[in-house]
Amino acid sequence: MLIEKTETFIEHDITVEGTKVGTVELYPERNEISRLIIFEPYQNKGYGTQVVQELIVQGYKSLWVRSDNPRAIHVYEKCGFVKGKTHMFEMRWDDANNAVTRSVQT
């Protein structure tokens, strides 16, 4: 069996006046924001919103966000994103009984 890398995610540093305040991971082939992290000392200063607004201008108009991350959801909605249908499952391996458990993300 051979597992080949087929998707390319690109991580970028987010800097403000030379200080790294976070990172953003992009999936250019899909124009998708894969991950956005603003480090805790720099949160609630508008940096996440600024990054998302700039990425929208660059054509990044798709993303996934965990349903238990209200801060991120707030930023994305403020920038014009709307929630789609919930159709993903979180799946984990349960070592205790060797069974797979599933829960629907809401």
N, C-alpha and C. Protein backbone atom coordinates (compact mmCIF):
# COMPACT_ATOMS: atom_id res chain seq x y z
N MET A 1 0.84 -1.17 0.00
CA MET A 1 0.00 0.00 0.00
C MET A 1 0.89 1.24 0.00
N LEU A 2 0.48 2.22 -0.77
CA LEU A 2 1.20 3.49 -0.84
C LEU A 2 0.21 4.61 -0.54
N ILE A 3 0.56 5.46 0.39
CA ILE A 3 -0.26 6.62 0.70
C ILE A 3 0.47 7.85 0.18
N GLU A 4 -0.13 8.51 -0.78
CA GLU A 4 0.50 9.66 -1.39
C GLU A 4 -0.18 10.94 -0.93
N LYS A 5 0.62 11.96 -0.78
CA LYS A 5 0.08 13.27 -0.43
C LYS A 5 -0.60 13.85 -1.67
N THR A 6 -1.90 14.18 -1.54
CA THR A 6 -2.64 14.73 -2.67
C THR A 6 -3.17 16.13 -2.39
N GLU A 7 -3.24 16.52 -1.14
CA GLU A 7 -3.76 17.83 -0.79
C GLU A 7 -2.63 18.68 -0.23
N THR A 8 -2.64 19.94 -0.58
CA THR A 8 -1.60 20.84 -0.12
C THR A 8 -2.21 21.92 0.75
N PHE A 9 -1.85 21.92 2.02
CA PHE A 9 -2.25 22.98 2.92
C PHE A 9 -1.03 23.87 3.12
N ILE A 10 -1.25 25.15 3.15
CA ILE A 10 -0.15 26.09 3.32
C ILE A 10 -0.41 26.90 4.58
N GLU A 11 0.57 26.89 5.49
CA GLU A 11 0.43 27.65 6.72
C GLU A 11 1.17 28.98 6.59
N HIS A 12 0.52 30.04 7.05
CA HIS A 12 1.10 31.37 7.01
C HIS A 12 1.10 31.95 8.42
N ASP A 13 2.14 32.69 8.74
CA ASP A 13 2.18 33.43 10.00
C ASP A 13 1.36 34.71 9.84
N ILE A 14 0.70 35.10 10.90
CA ILE A 14 -0.01 36.38 10.95
C ILE A 14 0.83 37.29 11.84
N THR A 15 1.30 38.39 11.30
CA THR A 15 2.14 39.30 12.08
C THR A 15 1.53 40.70 12.09
N VAL A 16 1.74 41.37 13.19
CA VAL A 16 1.33 42.76 13.35
C VAL A 16 2.55 43.52 13.84
N GLU A 17 3.00 44.46 13.05
CA GLU A 17 4.18 45.25 13.38
C GLU A 17 5.36 44.37 13.80
N GLY A 18 5.58 43.28 13.04
CA GLY A 18 6.70 42.39 13.27
C GLY A 18 6.49 41.34 14.35
N THR A 19 5.36 41.36 15.04
CA THR A 19 5.08 40.38 16.09
C THR A 19 4.12 39.32 15.56
N LYS A 20 4.48 38.05 15.72
CA LYS A 20 3.61 36.96 15.29
C LYS A 20 2.43 36.86 16.26
N VAL A 21 1.21 37.05 15.74
CA VAL A 21 0.01 37.01 16.58
C VAL A 21 -0.84 35.78 16.31
N GLY A 22 -0.48 34.99 15.31
CA GLY A 22 -1.25 33.79 15.02
C GLY A 22 -0.78 33.13 13.74
N THR A 23 -1.57 32.16 13.31
CA THR A 23 -1.30 31.44 12.06
C THR A 23 -2.61 31.17 11.35
N VAL A 24 -2.52 31.03 10.04
CA VAL A 24 -3.67 30.63 9.25
C VAL A 24 -3.19 29.56 8.27
N GLU A 25 -3.99 28.52 8.15
CA GLU A 25 -3.68 27.43 7.22
C GLU A 25 -4.71 27.47 6.11
N LEU A 26 -4.24 27.49 4.88
CA LEU A 26 -5.10 27.61 3.71
C LEU A 26 -5.00 26.38 2.82
N TYR A 27 -6.08 26.09 2.14
CA TYR A 27 -6.14 25.01 1.15
C TYR A 27 -6.47 25.67 -0.19
N PRO A 28 -5.43 26.14 -0.91
CA PRO A 28 -5.65 26.94 -2.11
C PRO A 28 -6.46 26.26 -3.21
N GLU A 29 -6.30 24.94 -3.37
CA GLU A 29 -7.02 24.24 -4.43
C GLU A 29 -8.53 24.34 -4.25
N ARG A 30 -8.98 24.54 -3.03
CA ARG A 30 -10.42 24.65 -2.74
C ARG A 30 -10.83 26.07 -2.34
N ASN A 31 -9.89 26.98 -2.33
CA ASN A 31 -10.17 28.33 -1.80
C ASN A 31 -10.79 28.23 -0.41
N GLU A 32 -10.17 27.42 0.43
CA GLU A 32 -10.72 27.11 1.75
C GLU A 32 -9.77 27.53 2.87
N ILE A 33 -10.34 28.13 3.91
CA ILE A 33 -9.60 28.42 5.12
C ILE A 33 -9.64 27.15 5.97
N SER A 34 -8.50 26.54 6.19
CA SER A 34 -8.46 25.27 6.91
C SER A 34 -8.40 25.47 8.41
N ARG A 35 -7.66 26.50 8.83
CA ARG A 35 -7.49 26.72 10.27
C ARG A 35 -7.03 28.15 10.48
N LEU A 36 -7.56 28.78 11.51
CA LEU A 36 -7.14 30.13 11.88
C LEU A 36 -6.94 30.15 13.38
N ILE A 37 -5.74 30.55 13.79
CA ILE A 37 -5.43 30.63 15.21
C ILE A 37 -4.88 32.02 15.49
N ILE A 38 -5.52 32.71 16.42
CA ILE A 38 -4.97 33.96 16.95
C ILE A 38 -4.54 33.63 18.38
N PHE A 39 -3.28 33.85 18.68
CA PHE A 39 -2.76 33.50 20.01
C PHE A 39 -3.49 34.30 21.08
N GLU A 40 -3.66 33.69 22.24
CA GLU A 40 -4.49 34.25 23.30
C GLU A 40 -4.20 35.71 23.66
N PRO A 41 -2.94 36.11 23.80
CA PRO A 41 -2.71 37.52 24.19
C PRO A 41 -3.22 38.52 23.15
N TYR A 42 -3.48 38.05 21.91
CA TYR A 42 -3.86 38.94 20.83
C TYR A 42 -5.33 38.79 20.42
N GLN A 43 -6.08 37.96 21.13
CA GLN A 43 -7.49 37.78 20.82
C GLN A 43 -8.30 39.00 21.26
N ASN A 44 -9.47 39.14 20.65
CA ASN A 44 -10.39 40.24 20.94
C ASN A 44 -9.83 41.61 20.57
N LYS A 45 -8.95 41.62 19.57
CA LYS A 45 -8.39 42.88 19.09
C LYS A 45 -8.74 43.10 17.61
N GLY A 46 -9.54 42.20 17.05
CA GLY A 46 -9.97 42.34 15.66
C GLY A 46 -9.07 41.69 14.63
N TYR A 47 -7.99 41.05 15.07
CA TYR A 47 -7.05 40.46 14.10
C TYR A 47 -7.68 39.33 13.31
N GLY A 48 -8.44 38.47 13.97
CA GLY A 48 -9.10 37.36 13.27
C GLY A 48 -10.05 37.87 12.21
N THR A 49 -10.83 38.89 12.55
CA THR A 49 -11.76 39.48 11.59
C THR A 49 -11.01 40.08 10.41
N GLN A 50 -9.93 40.79 10.68
CA GLN A 50 -9.14 41.39 9.59
C GLN A 50 -8.59 40.33 8.65
N VAL A 51 -8.09 39.24 9.23
CA VAL A 51 -7.52 38.16 8.41
C VAL A 51 -8.61 37.54 7.54
N VAL A 52 -9.75 37.23 8.13
CA VAL A 52 -10.84 36.61 7.37
C VAL A 52 -11.32 37.55 6.26
N GLN A 53 -11.48 38.82 6.55
CA GLN A 53 -11.91 39.77 5.53
C GLN A 53 -10.92 39.84 4.37
N GLU A 54 -9.64 39.83 4.67
CA GLU A 54 -8.62 39.85 3.62
C GLU A 54 -8.65 38.56 2.80
N LEU A 55 -8.85 37.43 3.47
CA LEU A 55 -8.89 36.16 2.75
C LEU A 55 -10.11 36.07 1.84
N ILE A 56 -11.23 36.65 2.26
CA ILE A 56 -12.41 36.68 1.40
C ILE A 56 -12.10 37.46 0.12
N VAL A 57 -11.43 38.59 0.26
CA VAL A 57 -11.03 39.39 -0.90
C VAL A 57 -10.15 38.57 -1.84
N GLN A 58 -9.30 37.71 -1.26
CA GLN A 58 -8.41 36.86 -2.06
C GLN A 58 -9.11 35.64 -2.64
N GLY A 59 -10.39 35.45 -2.31
CA GLY A 59 -11.16 34.35 -2.90
C GLY A 59 -11.39 33.16 -1.99
N TYR A 60 -10.98 33.23 -0.75
CA TYR A 60 -11.19 32.12 0.19
C TYR A 60 -12.58 32.27 0.81
N LYS A 61 -13.52 31.47 0.31
CA LYS A 61 -14.91 31.64 0.72
C LYS A 61 -15.53 30.35 1.23
N SER A 62 -14.70 29.48 1.75
CA SER A 62 -15.18 28.21 2.30
C SER A 62 -14.35 27.87 3.53
N LEU A 63 -15.01 27.27 4.53
CA LEU A 63 -14.29 26.85 5.72
C LEU A 63 -15.13 25.87 6.52
N TRP A 64 -14.49 25.20 7.44
CA TRP A 64 -15.14 24.32 8.40
C TRP A 64 -14.80 24.85 9.78
N VAL A 65 -15.75 24.78 10.68
CA VAL A 65 -15.50 25.25 12.04
C VAL A 65 -16.20 24.30 13.00
N ARG A 66 -15.54 24.05 14.13
CA ARG A 66 -16.14 23.18 15.14
C ARG A 66 -17.34 23.86 15.76
N SER A 67 -18.38 23.10 15.99
CA SER A 67 -19.61 23.66 16.54
C SER A 67 -19.44 24.12 17.98
N ASP A 68 -18.38 23.68 18.65
CA ASP A 68 -18.15 24.08 20.04
C ASP A 68 -17.13 25.23 20.13
N ASN A 69 -17.02 26.01 19.07
CA ASN A 69 -16.10 27.14 19.04
C ASN A 69 -16.88 28.43 18.73
N PRO A 70 -17.64 28.93 19.71
CA PRO A 70 -18.49 30.09 19.44
C PRO A 70 -17.73 31.36 19.06
N ARG A 71 -16.51 31.51 19.55
CA ARG A 71 -15.72 32.71 19.19
C ARG A 71 -15.41 32.72 17.70
N ALA A 72 -15.00 31.57 17.19
CA ALA A 72 -14.70 31.48 15.76
C ALA A 72 -15.96 31.66 14.93
N ILE A 73 -17.04 31.02 15.34
CA ILE A 73 -18.31 31.15 14.62
C ILE A 73 -18.72 32.62 14.56
N HIS A 74 -18.56 33.34 15.66
CA HIS A 74 -18.92 34.76 15.70
C HIS A 74 -18.11 35.55 14.67
N VAL A 75 -16.81 35.30 14.61
CA VAL A 75 -15.95 36.01 13.65
C VAL A 75 -16.40 35.71 12.22
N TYR A 76 -16.60 34.44 11.92
CA TYR A 76 -16.97 34.06 10.55
C TYR A 76 -18.33 34.64 10.17
N GLU A 77 -19.30 34.59 11.08
CA GLU A 77 -20.61 35.16 10.78
C GLU A 77 -20.52 36.68 10.60
N LYS A 78 -19.71 37.33 11.41
CA LYS A 78 -19.52 38.77 11.29
C LYS A 78 -18.96 39.13 9.91
N CYS A 79 -18.18 38.22 9.35
CA CYS A 79 -17.57 38.45 8.04
C CYS A 79 -18.47 38.00 6.89
N GLY A 80 -19.67 37.49 7.20
CA GLY A 80 -20.62 37.15 6.14
C GLY A 80 -20.82 35.67 5.89
N PHE A 81 -20.08 34.81 6.56
CA PHE A 81 -20.30 33.38 6.39
C PHE A 81 -21.62 32.98 7.05
N VAL A 82 -22.29 31.99 6.50
CA VAL A 82 -23.51 31.48 7.09
C VAL A 82 -23.34 29.98 7.36
N LYS A 83 -24.03 29.51 8.40
CA LYS A 83 -23.93 28.10 8.76
C LYS A 83 -24.65 27.26 7.71
N GLY A 84 -24.00 26.17 7.33
CA GLY A 84 -24.61 25.22 6.43
C GLY A 84 -25.23 24.09 7.22
N LYS A 85 -25.62 23.06 6.52
CA LYS A 85 -26.19 21.89 7.18
C LYS A 85 -25.11 21.15 7.95
N THR A 86 -25.50 20.61 9.10
CA THR A 86 -24.58 19.77 9.87
C THR A 86 -24.69 18.36 9.31
N HIS A 87 -23.59 17.88 8.77
CA HIS A 87 -23.61 16.54 8.18
C HIS A 87 -22.30 15.79 8.40
N MET A 88 -21.58 16.19 9.41
CA MET A 88 -20.34 15.50 9.72
C MET A 88 -20.48 14.78 11.06
N PHE A 89 -19.71 13.76 11.22
CA PHE A 89 -19.66 13.00 12.45
C PHE A 89 -18.27 13.06 13.04
N GLU A 90 -18.17 13.12 14.33
CA GLU A 90 -16.89 12.94 14.99
C GLU A 90 -16.79 11.45 15.29
N MET A 91 -15.72 10.83 14.87
CA MET A 91 -15.55 9.39 15.09
C MET A 91 -14.24 9.17 15.83
N ARG A 92 -14.31 8.37 16.86
CA ARG A 92 -13.12 8.07 17.67
C ARG A 92 -13.03 6.59 17.92
N TRP A 93 -11.81 6.14 18.09
CA TRP A 93 -11.56 4.76 18.46
C TRP A 93 -11.58 4.67 19.98
N ASP A 94 -12.38 3.78 20.50
CA ASP A 94 -12.53 3.60 21.94
C ASP A 94 -11.71 2.38 22.35
N ASP A 95 -10.52 2.61 22.95
CA ASP A 95 -9.64 1.52 23.32
C ASP A 95 -10.23 0.60 24.39
N ALA A 96 -11.15 1.12 25.16
CA ALA A 96 -11.71 0.32 26.26
C ALA A 96 -12.49 -0.88 25.74
N ASN A 97 -13.24 -0.70 24.69
CA ASN A 97 -14.03 -1.84 24.21
C ASN A 97 -13.84 -2.10 22.72
N ASN A 98 -12.79 -1.54 22.15
CA ASN A 98 -12.47 -1.74 20.74
C ASN A 98 -13.64 -1.46 19.81
N ALA A 99 -14.37 -0.43 20.12
CA ALA A 99 -15.52 -0.06 19.28
C ALA A 99 -15.36 1.38 18.83
N VAL A 100 -15.96 1.66 17.73
CA VAL A 100 -15.97 3.03 17.22
C VAL A 100 -17.22 3.71 17.74
N THR A 101 -17.08 4.89 18.30
CA THR A 101 -18.23 5.65 18.76
C THR A 101 -18.41 6.87 17.89
N ARG A 102 -19.65 7.28 17.71
CA ARG A 102 -19.93 8.42 16.84
C ARG A 102 -20.86 9.39 17.56
N SER A 103 -20.66 10.65 17.27
CA SER A 103 -21.61 11.64 17.75
C SER A 103 -21.76 12.71 16.68
N VAL A 104 -22.97 13.15 16.47
CA VAL A 104 -23.23 14.16 15.47
C VAL A 104 -22.83 15.50 16.02
N GLN A 105 -22.09 16.28 15.24
CA GLN A 105 -21.76 17.64 15.63
C GLN A 105 -22.97 18.50 15.37
N THR A 106 -23.31 19.35 16.33
CA THR A 106 -24.46 20.24 16.13
C THR A 106 -24.01 21.65 16.03
